[in-house]
Structures are given as structure tokens and as C-alpha cells.
Amino acid sequence: MTPALSTLLRSASVLLGSAGALFAFADAALADDSRTFTMVNATGLPIRQVILSPHDQSQWGPNLLRVPVLAPGQSHTVTVPGSFADCLQDLKVAFQGNDAQPMWEYLNICNLRRIKLVYDAMSGVPTASYDE
């Protein structure tokens, strides 16, 4: 092997190793962008799905509820992936055994720590109290 080829291979190895470290750092940074908040089910109905969308866009993401059902009175930590770039989100739930899908609008998930969801099934009006 010539000295020039040896130097070229060493440089390529260093470059590839640096690129791998950069990608690993980027993956860790993306994972750290996730946000969490505690959701309390005060709706009186079991919740089977929690989804978010950037406000007024109706681009609903995946189910963020990582338990089969959140019973009335229970609370659960919801993790929002870093891929949700907008802080201002609408939250929609789907109930078990009920077709209603109420929506809570204008939630700032970047500052949200705890939200208590309330739903009046007779009027169809969702309300909430929350801590930022």
C-alpha cells in the first residue's frame, strides 16, 4: 500500500467516524425534544385515544395514549414526540363505547404540565383546567 493511499484511507475512516458520531448526537437531540404532561380524565367516560394536531390544521397525529383505556378519574403521563414542531396544538379524544370526539383547542404543549379534561356529555361541551 502506498503512503498516499494509506493517508487517504485514514482520512476517510476519521471522516466516517465523525459522521457517525454526528448522526448519533442528532438522534439523541431529537429524542430530547419530546415533551410530557400529565392528563387527568375527569370526563366521566373511559378514554381510548388521545391525538394532537397543530391548531386549525386538522392533521391529526398518532394515538399518544400508551395504555389501552384511561378510566374516569385516572391520570396518565402523555409524551409528545419532538416531531410536533408547533407549540399550539388541538387535542382530541375518542371514548370507549361513545361516538363523541371532543376537542380542546389552543393548548400550548411547550408549557403544559398538567391538564384535567372535563366533558359534559349532555351538552357536548369540553372544558379543561391546566397548569403550565
Protein backbone atom coordinates (compact mmCIF):
# COMPACT_ATOMS: atom_id res chain seq x y z
CA MET A 1 0.00 0.00 0.00
CA THR A 2 1.37 3.38 -0.94
CA PRO A 3 1.74 6.12 1.69
CA ALA A 4 -0.77 8.32 -0.18
CA LEU A 5 -3.38 5.54 -0.23
CA SER A 6 -2.78 4.82 3.46
CA THR A 7 -3.28 8.52 4.34
CA LEU A 8 -6.43 8.65 2.22
CA LEU A 9 -7.89 5.58 3.95
CA ARG A 10 -7.11 7.01 7.42
CA SER A 11 -8.77 10.31 6.48
CA ALA A 12 -11.84 8.50 5.17
CA SER A 13 -12.04 6.44 8.35
CA VAL A 14 -11.86 9.56 10.54
CA LEU A 15 -14.49 11.30 8.39
CA LEU A 16 -16.88 8.35 8.57
CA GLY A 17 -16.39 8.04 12.32
CA SER A 18 -17.13 11.75 12.77
CA ALA A 19 -20.26 11.48 10.62
CA GLY A 20 -21.48 8.54 12.71
CA ALA A 21 -20.95 10.50 15.92
CA LEU A 22 -22.82 13.46 14.43
CA PHE A 23 -25.81 11.28 13.50
CA ALA A 24 -25.85 9.70 16.96
CA PHE A 25 -25.81 13.18 18.53
CA ALA A 26 -28.64 14.34 16.24
CA ASP A 27 -30.76 11.28 17.16
CA ALA A 28 -30.23 11.97 20.86
CA ALA A 29 -31.13 15.64 20.39
CA LEU A 30 -34.35 14.72 18.59
CA ALA A 31 -35.28 12.28 21.35
CA ASP A 32 -34.72 15.02 23.95
CA ASP A 33 -37.20 17.33 22.17
CA SER A 34 -40.14 15.27 23.41
CA ARG A 35 -42.50 16.94 25.87
CA THR A 36 -44.53 15.35 28.63
CA PHE A 37 -47.60 16.38 30.56
CA THR A 38 -49.99 14.68 32.94
CA MET A 39 -53.55 14.23 31.70
CA VAL A 40 -56.38 13.66 34.18
CA ASN A 41 -59.56 12.07 32.86
CA ALA A 42 -62.42 13.94 34.53
CA THR A 43 -64.79 13.35 31.58
CA GLY A 44 -66.79 10.61 33.25
CA LEU A 45 -66.08 8.34 30.25
CA PRO A 46 -63.19 5.95 29.50
CA ILE A 47 -60.72 7.47 27.01
CA ARG A 48 -59.23 5.11 24.43
CA GLN A 49 -57.40 7.60 22.20
CA VAL A 50 -55.60 10.96 22.54
CA ILE A 51 -54.43 12.71 19.38
CA LEU A 52 -52.93 16.12 18.60
CA SER A 53 -52.97 18.43 15.60
CA PRO A 54 -51.40 21.83 15.02
CA HIS A 55 -54.19 24.30 15.77
CA ASP A 56 -56.74 24.75 12.95
CA GLN A 57 -54.97 22.30 10.63
CA SER A 58 -56.81 19.01 11.33
CA GLN A 59 -53.63 17.00 10.69
CA TRP A 60 -54.14 14.51 13.48
CA GLY A 61 -51.13 12.54 14.64
CA PRO A 62 -50.89 9.06 16.18
CA ASN A 63 -52.57 7.94 19.38
CA LEU A 64 -50.45 9.26 22.27
CA LEU A 65 -52.28 7.28 24.94
CA ARG A 66 -49.97 4.35 25.68
CA VAL A 67 -52.48 2.46 27.80
CA PRO A 68 -55.49 0.62 26.36
CA VAL A 69 -58.01 2.79 28.22
CA LEU A 70 -57.76 5.70 30.66
CA ALA A 71 -60.64 5.22 33.09
CA PRO A 72 -62.54 8.15 34.59
CA GLY A 73 -60.59 9.63 37.50
CA GLN A 74 -57.26 8.20 36.35
CA SER A 75 -54.26 10.21 35.23
CA HIS A 76 -51.57 9.32 32.74
CA THR A 77 -48.32 10.87 31.53
CA VAL A 78 -48.57 11.76 27.86
CA THR A 79 -45.36 12.03 25.84
CA VAL A 80 -45.45 14.24 22.76
CA PRO A 81 -42.70 13.40 20.25
CA GLY A 82 -40.27 16.11 19.19
CA SER A 83 -41.72 15.87 15.68
CA PHE A 84 -44.62 18.08 16.87
CA ALA A 85 -42.90 21.36 15.98
CA ASP A 86 -45.75 23.73 16.82
CA CYS A 87 -46.40 24.54 20.46
CA LEU A 88 -50.03 25.49 19.83
CA GLN A 89 -51.97 22.24 19.41
CA ASP A 90 -55.54 21.00 19.48
CA LEU A 91 -56.21 17.83 21.48
CA LYS A 92 -58.95 15.35 20.59
CA VAL A 93 -60.02 12.25 22.49
CA ALA A 94 -62.04 9.22 21.49
CA PHE A 95 -64.08 7.47 24.13
CA GLN A 96 -64.66 3.78 24.59
CA GLY A 97 -68.32 2.95 23.92
CA ASN A 98 -69.25 6.50 22.90
CA ASP A 99 -69.02 8.11 19.45
CA ALA A 100 -68.27 11.63 20.72
CA GLN A 101 -64.79 13.00 19.94
CA PRO A 102 -64.49 16.28 21.85
CA MET A 103 -61.66 18.66 21.10
CA TRP A 104 -59.76 21.04 23.35
CA GLU A 105 -58.23 23.88 21.34
CA TYR A 106 -55.27 26.25 21.68
CA LEU A 107 -53.19 24.16 24.10
CA ASN A 108 -49.60 25.31 24.45
CA ILE A 109 -47.92 21.92 24.79
CA CYS A 110 -44.49 23.53 25.16
CA ASN A 111 -45.54 24.88 28.57
CA LEU A 112 -48.25 22.38 29.55
CA ARG A 113 -47.51 20.39 32.72
CA ARG A 114 -50.92 19.04 33.75
CA ILE A 115 -54.37 19.11 32.17
CA LYS A 116 -57.67 17.96 33.64
CA LEU A 117 -60.14 17.14 30.86
CA VAL A 118 -63.84 17.62 31.59
CA TYR A 119 -66.65 16.77 29.18
CA ASP A 120 -70.37 17.35 29.57
CA ALA A 121 -71.91 14.51 27.56
CA MET A 122 -75.38 16.13 27.65
CA SER A 123 -74.30 19.42 26.07
CA GLY A 124 -71.22 18.13 24.25
CA VAL A 125 -69.10 20.90 25.75
CA PRO A 126 -65.46 20.12 26.62
CA THR A 127 -63.68 22.19 29.28
CA ALA A 128 -60.31 21.87 30.97
CA SER A 129 -58.19 23.21 33.75
CA TYR A 130 -54.46 23.12 33.36
CA ASP A 131 -51.11 24.06 34.86
CA GLU A 132 -48.30 25.49 32.76
